Amino acid sequence: MSTDRKVNTKVVALTLGIVWSLYLLAISIIAMSSEAYGHNVAEFIMTVYPEYALSFVGVIYGVL
């Protein structure tokens, strides 16, 4: 019995997008609540997303 399974690229792309969004949300919340932890990662994210900032609006922009 042979089953041909193919990877659904739309599902993979959607899953990776959701995981990346949750990662940005978690890092942003940690960096905003901590004085030292997570700021280096947040600064790197700011280079990738120019409008991103460690604020409520910036977090929403990064998640979307």
PDB file of N, CA and C in Angstrom:
ATOM      1  N   MET A   1       0.841  -1.166   0.000  1.00  0.00           N
ATOM      2  CA  MET A   1       0.000   0.000   0.000  1.00  0.00           C
ATOM      3  C   MET A   1       0.895   1.241   0.000  1.00  0.00           C
ATOM      4  N   SER A   2       0.793   1.998  -1.052  1.00  0.00           N
ATOM      5  CA  SER A   2       1.617   3.189  -1.211  1.00  0.00           C
ATOM      6  C   SER A   2       0.732   4.427  -1.202  1.00  0.00           C
ATOM      7  N   THR A   3       1.121   5.382  -0.387  1.00  0.00           N
ATOM      8  CA  THR A   3       0.381   6.635  -0.385  1.00  0.00           C
ATOM      9  C   THR A   3       1.334   7.742  -0.798  1.00  0.00           C
ATOM     10  N   ASP A   4       0.893   8.534  -1.713  1.00  0.00           N
ATOM     11  CA  ASP A   4       1.699   9.666  -2.173  1.00  0.00           C
ATOM     12  C   ASP A   4       1.293  10.901  -1.377  1.00  0.00           C
ATOM     13  N   ARG A   5       2.183  11.351  -0.539  1.00  0.00           N
ATOM     14  CA  ARG A   5       1.911  12.549   0.261  1.00  0.00           C
ATOM     15  C   ARG A   5       2.773  13.681  -0.260  1.00  0.00           C
ATOM     16  N   LYS A   6       2.148  14.804  -0.442  1.00  0.00           N
ATOM     17  CA  LYS A   6       2.866  15.985  -0.901  1.00  0.00           C
ATOM     18  C   LYS A   6       2.766  17.069   0.162  1.00  0.00           C
ATOM     19  N   VAL A   7       3.771  17.886   0.219  1.00  0.00           N
ATOM     20  CA  VAL A   7       3.782  18.996   1.166  1.00  0.00           C
ATOM     21  C   VAL A   7       2.921  20.122   0.593  1.00  0.00           C
ATOM     22  N   ASN A   8       1.982  20.571   1.379  1.00  0.00           N
ATOM     23  CA  ASN A   8       1.130  21.680   0.980  1.00  0.00           C
ATOM     24  C   ASN A   8       1.870  22.979   1.317  1.00  0.00           C
ATOM     25  N   THR A   9       2.372  23.661   0.296  1.00  0.00           N
ATOM     26  CA  THR A   9       3.207  24.840   0.526  1.00  0.00           C
ATOM     27  C   THR A   9       2.426  25.988   1.155  1.00  0.00           C
ATOM     28  N   LYS A  10       1.149  26.087   0.888  1.00  0.00           N
ATOM     29  CA  LYS A  10       0.348  27.154   1.505  1.00  0.00           C
ATOM     30  C   LYS A  10       0.236  26.952   3.010  1.00  0.00           C
ATOM     31  N   VAL A  11       0.063  25.717   3.418  1.00  0.00           N
ATOM     32  CA  VAL A  11      -0.036  25.421   4.850  1.00  0.00           C
ATOM     33  C   VAL A  11       1.303  25.655   5.538  1.00  0.00           C
ATOM     34  N   VAL A  12       2.388  25.273   4.897  1.00  0.00           N
ATOM     35  CA  VAL A  12       3.717  25.486   5.461  1.00  0.00           C
ATOM     36  C   VAL A  12       3.997  26.988   5.593  1.00  0.00           C
ATOM     37  N   ALA A  13       3.676  27.766   4.568  1.00  0.00           N
ATOM     38  CA  ALA A  13       3.903  29.211   4.610  1.00  0.00           C
ATOM     39  C   ALA A  13       3.061  29.873   5.693  1.00  0.00           C
ATOM     40  N   LEU A  14       1.811  29.478   5.805  1.00  0.00           N
ATOM     41  CA  LEU A  14       0.937  30.039   6.835  1.00  0.00           C
ATOM     42  C   LEU A  14       1.436  29.674   8.234  1.00  0.00           C
ATOM     43  N   THR A  15       1.853  28.449   8.420  1.00  0.00           N
ATOM     44  CA  THR A  15       2.366  28.005   9.715  1.00  0.00           C
ATOM     45  C   THR A  15       3.629  28.759  10.103  1.00  0.00           C
ATOM     46  N   LEU A  16       4.561  28.907   9.166  1.00  0.00           N
ATOM     47  CA  LEU A  16       5.789  29.646   9.463  1.00  0.00           C
ATOM     48  C   LEU A  16       5.495  31.120   9.749  1.00  0.00           C
ATOM     49  N   GLY A  17       4.548  31.702   9.051  1.00  0.00           N
ATOM     50  CA  GLY A  17       4.160  33.090   9.310  1.00  0.00           C
ATOM     51  C   GLY A  17       3.579  33.268  10.697  1.00  0.00           C
ATOM     52  N   ILE A  18       2.742  32.324  11.111  1.00  0.00           N
ATOM     53  CA  ILE A  18       2.146  32.397  12.448  1.00  0.00           C
ATOM     54  C   ILE A  18       3.215  32.211  13.523  1.00  0.00           C
ATOM     55  N   VAL A  19       4.117  31.262  13.321  1.00  0.00           N
ATOM     56  CA  VAL A  19       5.191  31.019  14.300  1.00  0.00           C
ATOM     57  C   VAL A  19       6.094  32.244  14.408  1.00  0.00           C
ATOM     58  N   TRP A  20       6.471  32.861  13.276  1.00  0.00           N
ATOM     59  CA  TRP A  20       7.319  34.055  13.294  1.00  0.00           C
ATOM     60  C   TRP A  20       6.606  35.209  13.998  1.00  0.00           C
ATOM     61  N   SER A  21       5.322  35.345  13.757  1.00  0.00           N
ATOM     62  CA  SER A  21       4.549  36.398  14.391  1.00  0.00           C
ATOM     63  C   SER A  21       4.499  36.213  15.901  1.00  0.00           C
ATOM     64  N   LEU A  22       4.280  34.993  16.352  1.00  0.00           N
ATOM     65  CA  LEU A  22       4.262  34.722  17.793  1.00  0.00           C
ATOM     66  C   LEU A  22       5.638  34.920  18.419  1.00  0.00           C
ATOM     67  N   TYR A  23       6.698  34.593  17.673  1.00  0.00           N
ATOM     68  CA  TYR A  23       8.062  34.824  18.153  1.00  0.00           C
ATOM     69  C   TYR A  23       8.310  36.326  18.346  1.00  0.00           C
ATOM     70  N   LEU A  24       7.906  37.128  17.349  1.00  0.00           N
ATOM     71  CA  LEU A  24       8.066  38.582  17.479  1.00  0.00           C
ATOM     72  C   LEU A  24       7.280  39.124  18.660  1.00  0.00           C
ATOM     73  N   LEU A  25       6.079  38.622  18.849  1.00  0.00           N
ATOM     74  CA  LEU A  25       5.267  39.066  19.975  1.00  0.00           C
ATOM     75  C   LEU A  25       5.931  38.730  21.300  1.00  0.00           C
ATOM     76  N   ALA A  26       6.425  37.500  21.436  1.00  0.00           N
ATOM     77  CA  ALA A  26       7.062  37.085  22.685  1.00  0.00           C
ATOM     78  C   ALA A  26       8.335  37.877  22.967  1.00  0.00           C
ATOM     79  N   ILE A  27       9.184  38.032  21.962  1.00  0.00           N
ATOM     80  CA  ILE A  27      10.428  38.795  22.153  1.00  0.00           C
ATOM     81  C   ILE A  27      10.123  40.242  22.504  1.00  0.00           C
ATOM     82  N   SER A  28       9.134  40.822  21.861  1.00  0.00           N
ATOM     83  CA  SER A  28       8.780  42.217  22.130  1.00  0.00           C
ATOM     84  C   SER A  28       8.268  42.403  23.546  1.00  0.00           C
ATOM     85  N   ILE A  29       7.408  41.509  23.988  1.00  0.00           N
ATOM     86  CA  ILE A  29       6.879  41.608  25.354  1.00  0.00           C
ATOM     87  C   ILE A  29       7.995  41.418  26.374  1.00  0.00           C
ATOM     88  N   ILE A  30       8.869  40.461  26.141  1.00  0.00           N
ATOM     89  CA  ILE A  30       9.991  40.228  27.058  1.00  0.00           C
ATOM     90  C   ILE A  30      10.913  41.438  27.091  1.00  0.00           C
ATOM     91  N   ALA A  31      11.220  42.005  25.925  1.00  0.00           N
ATOM     92  CA  ALA A  31      12.125  43.160  25.881  1.00  0.00           C
ATOM     93  C   ALA A  31      11.499  44.389  26.537  1.00  0.00           C
ATOM     94  N   MET A  32      10.186  44.571  26.399  1.00  0.00           N
ATOM     95  CA  MET A  32       9.528  45.722  27.022  1.00  0.00           C
ATOM     96  C   MET A  32       9.437  45.561  28.541  1.00  0.00           C
ATOM     97  N   SER A  33       9.303  44.325  29.019  1.00  0.00           N
ATOM     98  CA  SER A  33       9.154  44.120  30.454  1.00  0.00           C
ATOM     99  C   SER A  33      10.495  43.988  31.177  1.00  0.00           C
ATOM    100  N   SER A  34      11.567  43.765  30.430  1.00  0.00           N
ATOM    101  CA  SER A  34      12.882  43.595  31.027  1.00  0.00           C
ATOM    102  C   SER A  34      13.774  44.786  30.682  1.00  0.00           C
ATOM    103  N   GLU A  35      14.680  45.106  31.577  1.00  0.00           N
ATOM    104  CA  GLU A  35      15.585  46.215  31.309  1.00  0.00           C
ATOM    105  C   GLU A  35      16.774  45.806  30.459  1.00  0.00           C
ATOM    106  N   ALA A  36      17.167  44.544  30.506  1.00  0.00           N
ATOM    107  CA  ALA A  36      18.379  44.130  29.799  1.00  0.00           C
ATOM    108  C   ALA A  36      18.148  42.987  28.818  1.00  0.00           C
ATOM    109  N   TYR A  37      17.178  42.139  29.075  1.00  0.00           N
ATOM    110  CA  TYR A  37      17.021  40.929  28.279  1.00  0.00           C
ATOM    111  C   TYR A  37      16.181  41.191  27.021  1.00  0.00           C
ATOM    112  N   GLY A  38      16.673  40.742  25.890  1.00  0.00           N
ATOM    113  CA  GLY A  38      15.913  40.808  24.650  1.00  0.00           C
ATOM    114  C   GLY A  38      16.112  42.049  23.812  1.00  0.00           C
ATOM    115  N   HIS A  39      16.860  43.006  24.305  1.00  0.00           N
ATOM    116  CA  HIS A  39      17.032  44.252  23.566  1.00  0.00           C
ATOM    117  C   HIS A  39      17.909  44.074  22.326  1.00  0.00           C
ATOM    118  N   ASN A  40      18.893  43.188  22.385  1.00  0.00           N
ATOM    119  CA  ASN A  40      19.723  42.944  21.201  1.00  0.00           C
ATOM    120  C   ASN A  40      18.905  42.335  20.071  1.00  0.00           C
ATOM    121  N   VAL A  41      18.041  41.400  20.412  1.00  0.00           N
ATOM    122  CA  VAL A  41      17.186  40.784  19.395  1.00  0.00           C
ATOM    123  C   VAL A  41      16.201  41.811  18.854  1.00  0.00           C
ATOM    124  N   ALA A  42      15.651  42.634  19.727  1.00  0.00           N
ATOM    125  CA  ALA A  42      14.709  43.665  19.294  1.00  0.00           C
ATOM    126  C   ALA A  42      15.398  44.673  18.368  1.00  0.00           C
ATOM    127  N   GLU A  43      16.637  45.020  18.645  1.00  0.00           N
ATOM    128  CA  GLU A  43      17.370  45.929  17.764  1.00  0.00           C
ATOM    129  C   GLU A  43      17.619  45.297  16.400  1.00  0.00           C
ATOM    130  N   PHE A  44      17.885  43.990  16.369  1.00  0.00           N
ATOM    131  CA  PHE A  44      18.035  43.304  15.090  1.00  0.00           C
ATOM    132  C   PHE A  44      16.723  43.309  14.315  1.00  0.00           C
ATOM    133  N   ILE A  45      15.622  43.072  15.017  1.00  0.00           N
ATOM    134  CA  ILE A  45      14.316  43.100  14.355  1.00  0.00           C
ATOM    135  C   ILE A  45      14.031  44.483  13.786  1.00  0.00           C
ATOM    136  N   MET A  46      14.495  45.526  14.476  1.00  0.00           N
ATOM    137  CA  MET A  46      14.303  46.890  13.983  1.00  0.00           C
ATOM    138  C   MET A  46      15.046  47.130  12.675  1.00  0.00           C
ATOM    139  N   THR A  47      16.139  46.406  12.426  1.00  0.00           N
ATOM    140  CA  THR A  47      16.844  46.564  11.159  1.00  0.00           C
ATOM    141  C   THR A  47      16.093  45.867  10.030  1.00  0.00           C
ATOM    142  N   VAL A  48      15.329  44.831  10.349  1.00  0.00           N
ATOM    143  CA  VAL A  48      14.566  44.110   9.331  1.00  0.00           C
ATOM    144  C   VAL A  48      13.241  44.815   9.051  1.00  0.00           C
ATOM    145  N   TYR A  49      12.558  45.256  10.099  1.00  0.00           N
ATOM    146  CA  TYR A  49      11.291  45.974   9.993  1.00  0.00           C
ATOM    147  C   TYR A  49      11.528  47.428  10.399  1.00  0.00           C
ATOM    148  N   PRO A  50      11.672  48.346   9.443  1.00  0.00           N
ATOM    149  CA  PRO A  50      12.026  49.725   9.775  1.00  0.00           C
ATOM    150  C   PRO A  50      11.023  50.440  10.688  1.00  0.00           C
ATOM    151  N   GLU A  51       9.741  50.139  10.612  1.00  0.00           N
ATOM    152  CA  GLU A  51       8.741  50.823  11.436  1.00  0.00           C
ATOM    153  C   GLU A  51       8.529  50.165  12.793  1.00  0.00           C
ATOM    154  N   TYR A  52       9.212  49.063  13.042  1.00  0.00           N
ATOM    155  CA  TYR A  52       9.065  48.344  14.306  1.00  0.00           C
ATOM    156  C   TYR A  52       9.717  49.133  15.430  1.00  0.00           C
ATOM    157  N   ALA A  53       9.072  49.163  16.589  1.00  0.00           N
ATOM    158  CA  ALA A  53       9.621  49.816  17.769  1.00  0.00           C
ATOM    159  C   ALA A  53       9.123  49.067  19.004  1.00  0.00           C
ATOM    160  N   LEU A  54       9.838  49.202  20.092  1.00  0.00           N
ATOM    161  CA  LEU A  54       9.410  48.572  21.335  1.00  0.00           C
ATOM    162  C   LEU A  54       8.330  49.420  21.995  1.00  0.00           C
ATOM    163  N   SER A  55       7.177  49.400  21.405  1.00  0.00           N
ATOM    164  CA  SER A  55       5.996  50.063  21.930  1.00  0.00           C
ATOM    165  C   SER A  55       4.798  49.225  21.545  1.00  0.00           C
ATOM    166  N   PHE A  56       3.647  49.576  22.050  1.00  0.00           N
ATOM    167  CA  PHE A  56       2.446  48.805  21.723  1.00  0.00           C
ATOM    168  C   PHE A  56       2.171  48.841  20.227  1.00  0.00           C
ATOM    169  N   VAL A  57       2.278  50.000  19.616  1.00  0.00           N
ATOM    170  CA  VAL A  57       2.040  50.134  18.170  1.00  0.00           C
ATOM    171  C   VAL A  57       3.114  49.386  17.385  1.00  0.00           C
ATOM    172  N   GLY A  58       4.348  49.455  17.823  1.00  0.00           N
ATOM    173  CA  GLY A  58       5.426  48.735  17.160  1.00  0.00           C
ATOM    174  C   GLY A  58       5.270  47.228  17.223  1.00  0.00           C
ATOM    175  N   VAL A  59       4.772  46.745  18.356  1.00  0.00           N
ATOM    176  CA  VAL A  59       4.550  45.320  18.514  1.00  0.00           C
ATOM    177  C   VAL A  59       3.427  44.869  17.567  1.00  0.00           C
ATOM    178  N   ILE A  60       2.364  45.642  17.499  1.00  0.00           N
ATOM    179  CA  ILE A  60       1.270  45.300  16.589  1.00  0.00           C
ATOM    180  C   ILE A  60       1.756  45.307  15.150  1.00  0.00           C
ATOM    181  N   TYR A  61       2.578  46.277  14.781  1.00  0.00           N
ATOM    182  CA  TYR A  61       3.137  46.330  13.427  1.00  0.00           C
ATOM    183  C   TYR A  61       4.017  45.112  13.161  1.00  0.00           C
ATOM    184  N   GLY A  62       4.821  44.731  14.112  1.00  0.00           N
ATOM    185  CA  GLY A  62       5.698  43.580  13.927  1.00  0.00           C
ATOM    186  C   GLY A  62       4.941  42.270  13.815  1.00  0.00           C
ATOM    187  N   VAL A  63       3.861  42.146  14.551  1.00  0.00           N
ATOM    188  CA  VAL A  63       3.065  40.926  14.522  1.00  0.00           C
ATOM    189  C   VAL A  63       2.283  40.814  13.218  1.00  0.00           C
ATOM    190  N   LEU A  64       1.816  41.927  12.711  1.00  0.00           N
ATOM    191  CA  LEU A  64       1.061  41.892  11.449  1.00  0.00           C
ATOM    192  C   LEU A  64       2.009  41.825  10.296  1.00  0.00           C
TER     193      LEU A  64
END
